[in-house]
Amino acid sequence: MVFKGNIVFLIIFLCIISNFSSFMAESEYKTPDSTYDNLGKEVMSMNSFDILFSNTDLQDNDVDYYPGDMNTQFFDIYELASFGQTAWGLATADFNNDGLIDFAVSSATVPITYSSVTIFYNQGDLTFSQEEVYRFNEYIMDLEAADVDNDGDIDLLFTYNEVTWIGEWGYYTNGTVNLLENNGDNQFEPHKMIVWLGPHERMDPEKQTNIQLACADYDNDDDTDFLIGSNSGKVELFANDGFGEYSGIEVIHDYGKYSWGVASGDFNDDGWMDFIVNANEEGKQSTNHIYLKYNHRIPDIFDNNPGESIVELPIPTKFRNSGLYTDGCLVSIDYNNDGLLDFMYGNAAYVFLLVQKDDGFFESFYVCRLPDGLEGYSDSLKIGALTVGDFNNDGLDDVIAGGVQGNVRLFVNTKTLIDITYPQDMWWYRFGEEQGRGFKYPGNCLVIGDITVQTKELEPLSYVEFYLDDKLVFTDEESPFEWEWNRFSFGSHMVKTKAYDLDGNSAGFDTARVWKFL
């Protein structure tokens, strides 16, 4: 009987495989790990971004194009613009004082002849007009917007690296922070360097390059200060004197390597700005943590300990990437508008939402994978590339995402509070047990036999409805919200979970395309 059952299973399984041209092993997809330029002309080290670029050409790209995974329930995603490359710096503000949140983005040409800063003015209908307001002759690594000099208009801060050339190779040496002062009509004065982090040799492990900024009023004196993270792993606080002049207060902590992800926010709702940092543990690419540092107020502000580790990296995804780099950018967001500050994390081409629960624990939710560039090189959010604002005036935080490929996208918050976690997209299951990844591209999963559809919620819910092909099949009123799918099925089905909050209001839905047999 066992032999006969295995033969039947084998016949069914082979029939299923023959109907899926996209069925493949996970190992067949390769992600490029050395080039950062759409045309393959300019090279940057994925490990430390020490090497800027070369005057020599690379070999032709032979990497497959991957279309991404942008069908997320948490956001409606809109393509806004496509620049040449390195849309790393993103900053949010109401630049023209019309009550609508705008944003600014830095990018570079391909091949690089200059970088530029462009303001996107919000037109109020999820469309934006563009104005290039500044050009610069080096890569811009990060961008922030704030009224630095307290004169009533929005200034810009940006960072870049000084370069030392050896033959045909350029090496980053010293990091800088620079001010673009707004003259009152969003025309900006020539940049003024306000922080120089040098001198360093090209191989100095302590050099502070690839500077990332987190602006906030950390000392509650009504002006904008900033934190910096860098290649060195140090996080340092710079205080504003009220007139746009900055002085270094202290190195808060030296995390070891790559403190690129820094973001500010009042995470304990005490009226003082805290910060989070994604930092590398002992220089190991695979052992990053995201730390939360609470503000201890005047006079200490921040002590010298690393803070509380709130997330251990990497965060698993349905792609189950091996050797995934963990460095990445951070931005604070109150996604579900519950008064508890959450944050988003961009790593390589992947975007995650980390939701703060009532007990202070942060739970991770996979959002999307950005598509590759047209030549097949993967996108990356390792530095910069995320900012938050309410761009449609609905009271919810939305997101603008950039990336190394130069694409700019708007993520409109749907306030969806439910996530289907099992069965998982692209994977296949036999009688409830996960067998492995079965599809190259997202949009399908395979189930043979019975399975329990499982979910997790972003906040407490009153109940969840389970639909099969738009027909209500089960309502669960207790967490964890699950449905036992034990009815005979053959073919493609759409599973939908609809969530309801504690007041009984609709709280969004999630869907999964499932090929089920038996």
Protein backbone atom coordinates (compact mmCIF):
# COMPACT_ATOMS: atom_id res chain seq x y z
CA MET A 1 0.00 0.00 0.00
CA VAL A 2 2.81 2.38 0.79
CA PHE A 3 4.49 1.63 -2.54
CA LYS A 4 1.23 2.13 -4.44
CA GLY A 5 0.56 5.41 -2.60
CA ASN A 6 4.01 6.73 -3.49
CA ILE A 7 3.45 5.85 -7.17
CA VAL A 8 0.15 7.78 -7.18
CA PHE A 9 1.82 10.73 -5.49
CA LEU A 10 4.70 10.66 -7.97
CA ILE A 11 2.33 10.64 -10.97
CA ILE A 12 0.32 13.57 -9.58
CA PHE A 13 3.46 15.50 -8.72
CA LEU A 14 5.00 15.03 -12.19
CA CYS A 15 1.76 16.18 -13.78
CA ILE A 16 1.79 19.30 -11.65
CA ILE A 17 5.39 20.13 -12.50
CA SER A 18 4.71 19.76 -16.22
CA ASN A 19 2.13 22.57 -15.98
CA PHE A 20 4.46 25.10 -14.39
CA SER A 21 7.11 26.54 -16.65
CA SER A 22 8.37 28.67 -13.77
CA PHE A 23 8.96 25.73 -11.43
CA MET A 24 12.60 25.66 -10.42
CA ALA A 25 15.06 25.13 -7.61
CA GLU A 26 16.00 28.12 -5.47
CA SER A 27 19.66 27.80 -6.38
CA GLU A 28 19.01 28.68 -10.02
CA TYR A 29 18.57 32.37 -9.25
CA LYS A 30 21.76 34.33 -8.73
CA THR A 31 22.05 37.86 -7.38
CA PRO A 32 25.01 39.99 -8.50
CA ASP A 33 27.16 41.02 -5.57
CA SER A 34 29.85 43.24 -6.99
CA THR A 35 28.44 45.89 -9.29
CA TYR A 36 26.32 48.87 -8.40
CA ASP A 37 25.87 50.56 -11.73
CA ASN A 38 23.13 49.98 -14.32
CA LEU A 39 25.59 49.81 -17.20
CA GLY A 40 28.32 47.90 -15.43
CA LYS A 41 30.82 50.74 -15.76
CA GLU A 42 31.33 51.82 -12.16
CA VAL A 43 32.20 49.44 -9.36
CA MET A 44 31.55 49.78 -5.63
CA SER A 45 32.54 47.26 -2.97
CA MET A 46 29.47 45.58 -1.47
CA ASN A 47 31.41 45.02 1.74
CA SER A 48 32.49 48.53 2.62
CA PHE A 49 31.98 50.85 -0.37
CA ASP A 50 35.69 51.65 -0.15
CA ILE A 51 36.28 51.56 -3.90
CA LEU A 52 34.41 54.35 -5.65
CA PHE A 53 34.81 53.65 -9.34
CA SER A 54 37.16 52.70 -12.12
CA ASN A 55 37.88 54.09 -15.54
CA THR A 56 37.99 50.55 -16.95
CA ASP A 57 35.01 48.67 -18.39
CA LEU A 58 33.63 45.46 -16.92
CA GLN A 59 32.53 42.33 -18.71
CA ASP A 60 29.02 42.21 -20.16
CA ASN A 61 26.27 41.45 -17.66
CA ASP A 62 24.95 37.89 -17.93
CA VAL A 63 22.64 37.96 -14.90
CA ASP A 64 18.95 37.13 -15.31
CA TYR A 65 16.44 39.94 -14.82
CA TYR A 66 14.24 39.43 -11.75
CA PRO A 67 10.88 41.26 -11.86
CA GLY A 68 10.57 41.73 -8.11
CA ASP A 69 7.71 41.08 -5.73
CA MET A 70 5.69 44.29 -5.42
CA ASN A 71 2.22 42.88 -4.72
CA THR A 72 2.14 43.71 -1.00
CA GLN A 73 -1.00 44.11 1.07
CA PHE A 74 0.62 46.73 3.31
CA PHE A 75 1.04 49.43 0.64
CA ASP A 76 -0.22 50.47 -2.78
CA ILE A 77 2.97 51.12 -4.77
CA TYR A 78 3.32 53.76 -7.49
CA GLU A 79 6.27 54.38 -9.79
CA LEU A 80 7.19 58.08 -9.61
CA ALA A 81 10.49 58.59 -11.43
CA SER A 82 13.58 56.89 -12.78
CA PHE A 83 16.97 58.58 -12.48
CA GLY A 84 20.30 57.29 -13.73
CA GLN A 85 21.46 55.67 -10.49
CA THR A 86 21.96 55.99 -6.72
CA ALA A 87 18.65 57.51 -5.51
CA TRP A 88 20.12 57.22 -2.03
CA GLY A 89 19.27 60.51 -0.36
CA LEU A 90 15.58 61.05 0.42
CA ALA A 91 14.11 63.74 2.66
CA THR A 92 10.55 64.81 3.49
CA ALA A 93 9.25 68.34 4.16
CA ASP A 94 6.63 70.87 3.06
CA PHE A 95 9.08 72.83 0.93
CA ASN A 96 6.58 75.33 -0.53
CA ASN A 97 4.43 75.69 2.62
CA ASP A 98 1.16 74.69 0.91
CA GLY A 99 0.10 72.14 3.52
CA LEU A 100 1.11 69.15 1.38
CA ILE A 101 4.14 67.01 2.17
CA ASP A 102 6.84 67.11 -0.53
CA PHE A 103 10.11 65.24 -0.74
CA ALA A 104 13.62 65.68 -2.13
CA VAL A 105 15.82 63.03 -3.71
CA SER A 106 19.49 62.89 -4.65
CA SER A 107 20.67 60.84 -7.62
CA ALA A 108 23.49 60.58 -10.16
CA THR A 109 23.86 60.26 -13.91
CA VAL A 110 25.11 57.11 -15.67
CA PRO A 111 28.03 57.17 -16.09
CA ILE A 112 28.45 59.71 -13.33
CA THR A 113 29.14 63.22 -14.55
CA TYR A 114 27.26 64.86 -11.67
CA SER A 115 24.81 64.21 -8.87
CA SER A 116 21.67 66.27 -8.44
CA VAL A 117 19.05 67.12 -5.83
CA THR A 118 15.46 67.24 -7.08
CA ILE A 119 12.41 68.42 -5.13
CA PHE A 120 9.11 66.65 -5.83
CA TYR A 121 6.24 69.05 -5.09
CA ASN A 122 3.04 67.31 -4.00
CA GLN A 123 0.07 68.23 -6.22
CA GLY A 124 -2.48 66.66 -3.88
CA ASP A 125 -3.64 63.76 -6.08
CA LEU A 126 -0.67 61.38 -5.66
CA THR A 127 1.14 63.22 -8.44
CA PHE A 128 4.23 65.39 -8.12
CA SER A 129 5.96 68.10 -10.14
CA GLN A 130 9.75 68.06 -10.19
CA GLU A 131 12.39 70.76 -9.89
CA GLU A 132 16.13 70.15 -9.92
CA VAL A 133 17.57 72.55 -7.35
CA TYR A 134 21.24 71.58 -7.09
CA ARG A 135 24.07 69.79 -8.87
CA PHE A 136 27.24 68.36 -7.39
CA ASN A 137 30.27 66.60 -8.85
CA GLU A 138 30.41 63.56 -6.51
CA TYR A 139 28.03 60.83 -5.37
CA ILE A 140 25.66 62.10 -2.69
CA MET A 141 25.42 59.44 0.00
CA ASP A 142 22.52 60.79 2.09
CA LEU A 143 20.14 63.74 2.26
CA GLU A 144 18.08 65.35 5.05
CA ALA A 145 15.68 68.31 5.13
CA ALA A 146 15.27 70.67 8.10
CA ASP A 147 15.19 74.36 9.01
CA VAL A 148 18.79 74.28 10.12
CA ASP A 149 19.23 78.03 10.73
CA ASN A 150 15.74 78.71 12.16
CA ASP A 151 14.82 81.27 9.50
CA GLY A 152 11.48 79.68 8.55
CA ASP A 153 12.42 77.81 5.37
CA ILE A 154 13.63 74.28 4.70
CA ASP A 155 17.37 73.76 4.21
CA LEU A 156 19.09 70.60 3.02
CA LEU A 157 21.94 68.61 4.52
CA PHE A 158 23.84 66.13 2.36
CA THR A 159 26.88 63.90 2.73
CA TYR A 160 29.60 62.84 0.32
CA ASN A 161 33.01 61.18 0.45
CA GLU A 162 36.32 62.72 -0.50
CA VAL A 163 38.26 60.52 -2.94
CA THR A 164 41.91 59.53 -3.21
CA TRP A 165 42.99 58.29 -6.65
CA ILE A 166 45.57 55.56 -7.16
CA GLY A 167 45.98 54.89 -10.85
CA GLU A 168 42.58 54.27 -12.35
CA TRP A 169 40.90 53.48 -9.02
CA GLY A 170 39.29 55.98 -6.68
CA TYR A 171 39.07 55.24 -2.95
CA TYR A 172 36.85 56.89 -0.38
CA THR A 173 38.85 58.46 2.44
CA ASN A 174 37.08 61.22 4.39
CA GLY A 175 33.37 61.69 5.00
CA THR A 176 31.72 65.12 4.97
CA VAL A 177 28.44 66.75 5.99
CA ASN A 178 27.32 69.76 3.96
CA LEU A 179 24.65 72.45 4.19
CA LEU A 180 22.54 73.77 1.32
CA GLU A 181 21.01 76.95 2.72
CA ASN A 182 17.58 77.86 1.35
CA ASN A 183 17.43 81.52 0.33
CA GLY A 184 13.67 81.60 0.83
CA ASP A 185 12.21 80.40 -2.50
CA ASN A 186 13.76 76.91 -2.66
CA GLN A 187 16.82 78.21 -4.44
CA PHE A 188 19.89 77.10 -2.55
CA GLU A 189 23.24 78.73 -1.88
CA PRO A 190 26.42 76.83 -2.83
CA HIS A 191 27.12 74.05 -0.39
CA LYS A 192 29.03 74.76 2.79
CA MET A 193 30.93 71.95 4.48
CA ILE A 194 29.93 71.91 8.15
CA VAL A 195 31.59 68.64 9.25
CA TRP A 196 34.81 67.11 7.93
CA LEU A 197 35.72 63.64 9.20
CA GLY A 198 39.40 63.22 8.46
CA PRO A 199 42.20 62.88 7.69
CA HIS A 200 42.21 59.15 6.94
CA GLU A 201 44.18 56.85 4.67
CA ARG A 202 42.27 54.77 2.14
CA MET A 203 42.66 51.50 4.12
CA ASP A 204 42.11 53.03 7.57
CA PRO A 205 39.46 50.87 9.38
CA GLU A 206 38.50 53.90 11.48
CA LYS A 207 37.64 56.18 8.57
CA GLN A 208 34.15 57.66 8.68
CA THR A 209 32.86 57.40 5.12
CA ASN A 210 29.44 56.82 3.56
CA ILE A 211 27.92 59.09 6.19
CA GLN A 212 24.24 58.54 7.02
CA LEU A 213 22.23 61.23 8.81
CA ALA A 214 19.39 61.22 11.33
CA CYS A 215 18.10 64.74 12.05
CA ALA A 216 16.05 65.60 15.15
CA ASP A 217 16.02 67.95 18.13
CA TYR A 218 17.78 65.56 20.48
CA ASP A 219 18.42 68.09 23.26
CA ASN A 220 14.95 69.73 23.11
CA ASP A 221 16.29 73.26 22.56
CA ASP A 222 14.10 73.97 19.49
CA ASP A 223 16.71 73.48 16.77
CA THR A 224 17.74 70.57 14.55
CA ASP A 225 20.70 68.43 15.60
CA PHE A 226 21.91 65.33 13.78
CA LEU A 227 23.45 61.93 14.34
CA ILE A 228 25.83 60.27 11.90
CA GLY A 229 26.58 56.62 11.19
CA SER A 230 29.35 55.48 8.88
CA ASN A 231 31.67 52.71 7.69
CA SER A 232 33.56 52.98 10.96
CA GLY A 233 30.65 51.71 13.07
CA LYS A 234 30.67 54.84 15.21
CA VAL A 235 27.51 56.83 15.92
CA GLU A 236 28.21 60.46 16.76
CA LEU A 237 25.97 63.34 17.86
CA PHE A 238 26.35 66.89 16.50
CA ALA A 239 24.49 69.73 18.24
CA ASN A 240 23.10 72.87 16.56
CA ASP A 241 23.82 76.21 18.22
CA GLY A 242 20.52 77.60 16.89
CA PHE A 243 22.08 79.36 13.90
CA GLY A 244 23.14 76.41 11.79
CA GLU A 245 26.60 75.94 13.29
CA TYR A 246 27.36 72.42 14.53
CA SER A 247 29.78 70.96 17.04
CA GLY A 248 30.47 67.33 17.82
CA ILE A 249 29.17 66.40 21.26
CA GLU A 250 30.32 62.81 21.62
CA VAL A 251 30.81 59.45 19.99
CA ILE A 252 27.80 57.72 21.48
CA HIS A 253 29.04 54.22 20.75
CA ASP A 254 31.46 52.42 18.45
CA TYR A 255 29.55 49.38 17.17
CA GLY A 256 32.50 48.03 15.20
CA LYS A 257 31.48 48.29 11.53
CA TYR A 258 28.91 49.75 9.14
CA SER A 259 26.51 51.79 11.25
CA TRP A 260 24.82 52.92 8.03
CA GLY A 261 21.22 52.60 9.19
CA VAL A 262 20.32 55.40 11.61
CA ALA A 263 16.86 56.86 12.25
CA SER A 264 15.34 59.06 14.94
CA GLY A 265 12.00 58.78 16.72
CA ASP A 266 10.36 58.99 20.12
CA PHE A 267 9.99 55.25 20.67
CA ASN A 268 8.86 55.45 24.31
CA ASP A 269 6.63 58.53 23.90
CA ASP A 270 8.37 60.58 26.59
CA GLY A 271 8.84 63.71 24.48
CA TRP A 272 12.56 63.11 23.85
CA MET A 273 13.95 61.83 20.56
CA ASP A 274 15.57 58.39 20.64
CA PHE A 275 17.30 56.64 17.74
CA ILE A 276 17.71 53.22 16.19
CA VAL A 277 20.84 51.98 14.43
CA ASN A 278 21.65 48.99 12.25
CA ALA A 279 25.21 48.10 13.09
CA ASN A 280 27.57 45.26 12.25
CA GLU A 281 28.76 43.02 15.06
CA GLU A 282 32.55 42.62 14.95
CA GLY A 283 32.64 43.20 11.20
CA LYS A 284 30.65 40.05 10.42
CA GLN A 285 28.24 40.60 7.55
CA SER A 286 25.80 37.99 8.84
CA THR A 287 25.44 39.08 12.49
CA ASN A 288 23.98 42.58 12.46
CA HIS A 289 21.58 43.86 15.09
CA ILE A 290 19.21 46.79 15.14
CA TYR A 291 19.70 48.64 18.41
CA LEU A 292 17.35 51.09 20.13
CA LYS A 293 19.01 53.89 22.10
CA TYR A 294 16.76 55.82 24.49
CA ASN A 295 17.36 59.49 25.15
CA HIS A 296 18.32 60.08 28.81
CA ARG A 297 17.67 63.85 28.55
CA ILE A 298 19.96 66.67 29.56
CA PRO A 299 22.82 66.58 30.44
CA ASP A 300 23.72 63.07 29.26
CA ILE A 301 21.26 62.73 26.33
CA PHE A 302 22.77 59.38 25.31
CA ASP A 303 25.03 57.13 27.36
CA ASN A 304 27.88 55.09 25.87
CA ASN A 305 26.37 51.61 25.89
CA PRO A 306 25.15 50.07 22.60
CA GLY A 307 21.48 50.19 23.57
CA GLU A 308 18.85 47.47 23.46
CA SER A 309 19.06 44.92 20.65
CA ILE A 310 15.50 44.87 19.28
CA VAL A 311 16.03 42.91 16.04
CA GLU A 312 18.59 40.27 15.12
CA LEU A 313 19.51 40.20 11.45
CA PRO A 314 19.06 38.81 8.88
CA ILE A 315 15.26 38.62 8.85
CA PRO A 316 14.15 35.50 6.93
CA THR A 317 12.10 36.00 3.77
CA LYS A 318 10.22 33.62 1.52
CA PHE A 319 13.27 33.74 -0.75
CA ARG A 320 15.31 32.16 2.08
CA ASN A 321 18.46 33.90 0.93
CA SER A 322 21.74 32.40 2.04
CA GLY A 323 24.61 34.77 2.77
CA LEU A 324 22.31 37.81 2.61
CA TYR A 325 24.00 41.05 3.59
CA THR A 326 22.40 42.57 6.67
CA ASP A 327 23.54 46.19 6.35
CA GLY A 328 20.66 48.46 5.44
CA CYS A 329 18.73 51.68 5.94
CA LEU A 330 16.09 52.48 8.56
CA VAL A 331 13.20 54.95 8.82
CA SER A 332 10.67 55.49 11.62
CA ILE A 333 6.95 55.12 10.87
CA ASP A 334 3.73 54.66 12.83
CA TYR A 335 2.30 52.26 10.26
CA ASN A 336 -0.95 51.32 12.00
CA ASN A 337 -1.47 54.74 13.63
CA ASP A 338 -1.68 53.28 17.15
CA GLY A 339 0.70 55.75 18.80
CA LEU A 340 3.50 53.17 19.03
CA LEU A 341 6.41 54.02 16.76
CA ASP A 342 7.36 51.32 14.26
CA PHE A 343 10.11 51.38 11.64
CA MET A 344 11.01 50.09 8.20
CA TYR A 345 14.23 48.37 7.21
CA GLY A 346 15.64 48.21 3.69
CA ASN A 347 18.23 45.53 3.01
CA ALA A 348 19.59 44.79 -0.47
CA ALA A 349 16.39 44.74 -2.58
CA TYR A 350 14.14 43.73 0.34
CA VAL A 351 11.83 45.93 2.43
CA PHE A 352 10.56 44.99 5.89
CA LEU A 353 8.10 46.53 8.34
CA LEU A 354 8.89 46.18 12.06
CA VAL A 355 5.79 46.77 14.18
CA GLN A 356 6.06 47.71 17.85
CA LYS A 357 3.71 45.78 20.13
CA ASP A 358 2.32 46.87 23.50
CA ASP A 359 5.14 45.10 25.34
CA GLY A 360 7.83 46.93 23.38
CA PHE A 361 8.65 43.91 21.22
CA PHE A 362 9.11 44.53 17.48
CA GLU A 363 7.60 41.95 15.11
CA SER A 364 8.84 41.75 11.53
CA PHE A 365 6.68 41.63 8.40
CA TYR A 366 8.03 41.14 4.89
CA VAL A 367 6.81 43.91 2.56
CA CYS A 368 8.37 43.44 -0.89
CA ARG A 369 11.39 42.78 -3.07
CA LEU A 370 12.32 45.56 -5.49
CA PRO A 371 12.70 44.56 -9.15
CA ASP A 372 16.08 44.43 -10.82
CA GLY A 373 17.32 47.13 -13.13
CA LEU A 374 16.71 46.58 -16.83
CA GLU A 375 20.19 45.09 -17.31
CA GLY A 376 19.59 42.51 -14.58
CA TYR A 377 21.51 44.06 -11.69
CA SER A 378 19.65 43.94 -8.38
CA ASP A 379 18.49 47.06 -6.58
CA SER A 380 19.79 47.88 -3.13
CA LEU A 381 18.69 49.86 -0.09
CA LYS A 382 21.91 49.30 1.83
CA ILE A 383 22.36 53.02 2.42
CA GLY A 384 19.80 55.82 2.38
CA ALA A 385 16.73 55.36 0.21
CA LEU A 386 13.70 55.51 2.57
CA THR A 387 11.70 58.47 3.89
CA VAL A 388 8.25 58.85 5.48
CA GLY A 389 5.40 61.36 5.17
CA ASP A 390 1.61 61.55 4.81
CA PHE A 391 1.52 62.22 1.09
CA ASN A 392 -2.26 61.86 0.60
CA ASN A 393 -3.41 63.59 3.81
CA ASP A 394 -5.32 60.57 5.13
CA GLY A 395 -3.62 60.60 8.53
CA LEU A 396 -1.40 57.58 7.78
CA ASP A 397 2.35 57.48 7.22
CA ASP A 398 3.36 56.68 3.64
CA VAL A 399 6.85 55.89 2.34
CA ILE A 400 9.10 57.00 -0.51
CA ALA A 401 11.71 54.42 -1.55
CA GLY A 402 14.75 54.94 -3.75
CA GLY A 403 17.69 52.63 -4.35
CA VAL A 404 20.92 52.18 -6.24
CA GLN A 405 19.11 51.65 -9.57
CA GLY A 406 17.76 55.22 -9.39
CA ASN A 407 14.04 54.38 -9.28
CA VAL A 408 11.76 56.35 -6.96
CA ARG A 409 8.51 54.78 -5.73
CA LEU A 410 5.62 55.91 -3.53
CA PHE A 411 4.30 53.39 -1.00
CA VAL A 412 0.78 54.46 0.06
CA ASN A 413 -0.21 53.03 3.45
CA THR A 414 -3.26 50.72 3.35
CA LYS A 415 -3.28 50.08 7.13
CA THR A 416 -3.64 46.34 6.61
CA LEU A 417 -3.38 44.43 9.88
CA ILE A 418 -3.23 40.80 8.66
CA ASP A 419 -0.53 38.71 7.01
CA ILE A 420 -0.83 35.16 5.63
CA THR A 421 2.27 33.31 6.80
CA TYR A 422 1.47 29.68 5.88
CA PRO A 423 1.42 28.38 3.20
CA GLN A 424 4.12 30.72 1.99
CA ASP A 425 4.28 32.16 -1.50
CA MET A 426 6.65 30.29 -3.89
CA TRP A 427 6.93 27.23 -1.64
CA TRP A 428 5.31 23.79 -1.82
CA TYR A 429 3.80 21.60 0.86
CA ARG A 430 2.91 17.93 1.23
CA PHE A 431 0.16 17.11 3.73
CA GLY A 432 0.86 20.21 5.79
CA GLU A 433 4.65 19.90 5.82
CA GLU A 434 6.88 22.40 4.03
CA GLN A 435 9.01 20.70 1.36
CA GLY A 436 11.00 23.56 -0.17
CA ARG A 437 10.83 26.40 -2.62
CA GLY A 438 9.03 25.41 -5.80
CA PHE A 439 8.70 28.56 -7.91
CA LYS A 440 11.21 31.00 -9.29
CA TYR A 441 8.82 33.97 -9.23
CA PRO A 442 6.25 35.08 -6.64
CA GLY A 443 2.52 34.64 -7.10
CA ASN A 444 1.95 30.91 -6.56
CA CYS A 445 2.42 28.18 -3.99
CA LEU A 446 1.70 24.45 -4.21
CA VAL A 447 -0.16 22.32 -1.64
CA ILE A 448 -0.76 18.58 -1.85
CA GLY A 449 -3.27 17.31 0.73
CA ASP A 450 -4.63 19.13 3.79
CA ILE A 451 -3.01 22.25 5.22
CA THR A 452 -3.66 24.81 7.97
CA VAL A 453 -3.77 28.37 6.65
CA GLN A 454 -2.00 30.49 9.28
CA THR A 455 -1.79 34.25 9.79
CA LYS A 456 -0.26 36.79 12.11
CA GLU A 457 -1.73 40.17 13.03
CA LEU A 458 -0.07 43.56 13.44
CA GLU A 459 -2.26 44.43 16.43
CA PRO A 460 -5.08 42.73 18.38
CA LEU A 461 -8.10 41.88 16.20
CA SER A 462 -11.67 40.89 16.98
CA TYR A 463 -11.93 38.26 14.24
CA VAL A 464 -10.62 37.17 10.84
CA GLU A 465 -12.68 35.83 7.94
CA PHE A 466 -11.26 33.21 5.58
CA TYR A 467 -12.45 33.15 1.97
CA LEU A 468 -11.84 30.57 -0.75
CA ASP A 469 -12.40 31.94 -4.26
CA ASP A 470 -14.42 34.84 -2.75
CA LYS A 471 -16.69 32.51 -0.74
CA LEU A 472 -16.63 32.77 3.06
CA VAL A 473 -15.57 29.39 4.48
CA PHE A 474 -14.58 30.13 8.08
CA THR A 475 -14.50 32.86 10.73
CA ASP A 476 -11.95 32.67 13.55
CA GLU A 477 -12.48 34.80 16.65
CA GLU A 478 -9.36 33.82 18.56
CA SER A 479 -5.69 34.48 17.90
CA PRO A 480 -3.77 32.81 16.33
CA PHE A 481 -6.23 33.14 13.43
CA GLU A 482 -6.18 29.91 11.38
CA TRP A 483 -8.29 27.81 9.05
CA GLU A 484 -7.97 24.05 8.50
CA TRP A 485 -8.23 23.53 4.74
CA ASN A 486 -9.15 19.86 4.61
CA ARG A 487 -11.66 19.75 1.77
CA PHE A 488 -10.78 18.08 -1.52
CA SER A 489 -9.46 20.56 -4.06
CA PHE A 490 -7.87 20.33 -7.47
CA GLY A 491 -6.34 23.30 -9.26
CA SER A 492 -5.78 27.00 -8.63
CA HIS A 493 -7.56 28.80 -5.77
CA MET A 494 -7.42 32.26 -4.21
CA VAL A 495 -7.27 32.31 -0.42
CA LYS A 496 -8.22 35.62 1.21
CA THR A 497 -8.10 36.65 4.87
CA LYS A 498 -10.09 39.73 5.94
CA ALA A 499 -9.26 41.31 9.29
CA TYR A 500 -11.46 43.30 11.67
CA ASP A 501 -10.14 45.48 14.47
CA LEU A 502 -11.37 45.47 18.06
CA ASP A 503 -14.15 47.93 17.15
CA GLY A 504 -15.34 45.65 14.35
CA ASN A 505 -14.03 47.90 11.58
CA SER A 506 -12.45 46.45 8.45
CA ALA A 507 -8.66 46.25 8.85
CA GLY A 508 -7.57 45.16 5.36
CA PHE A 509 -6.99 41.80 3.76
CA ASP A 510 -4.27 39.54 2.43
CA THR A 511 -4.42 37.00 -0.40
CA ALA A 512 -2.48 33.97 -1.58
CA ARG A 513 -2.70 32.06 -4.88
CA VAL A 514 -2.61 28.36 -3.97
CA TRP A 515 -2.44 25.38 -6.33
CA LYS A 516 -4.01 22.62 -4.25
CA PHE A 517 -4.35 18.96 -5.11
CA LEU A 518 -6.17 16.39 -2.94
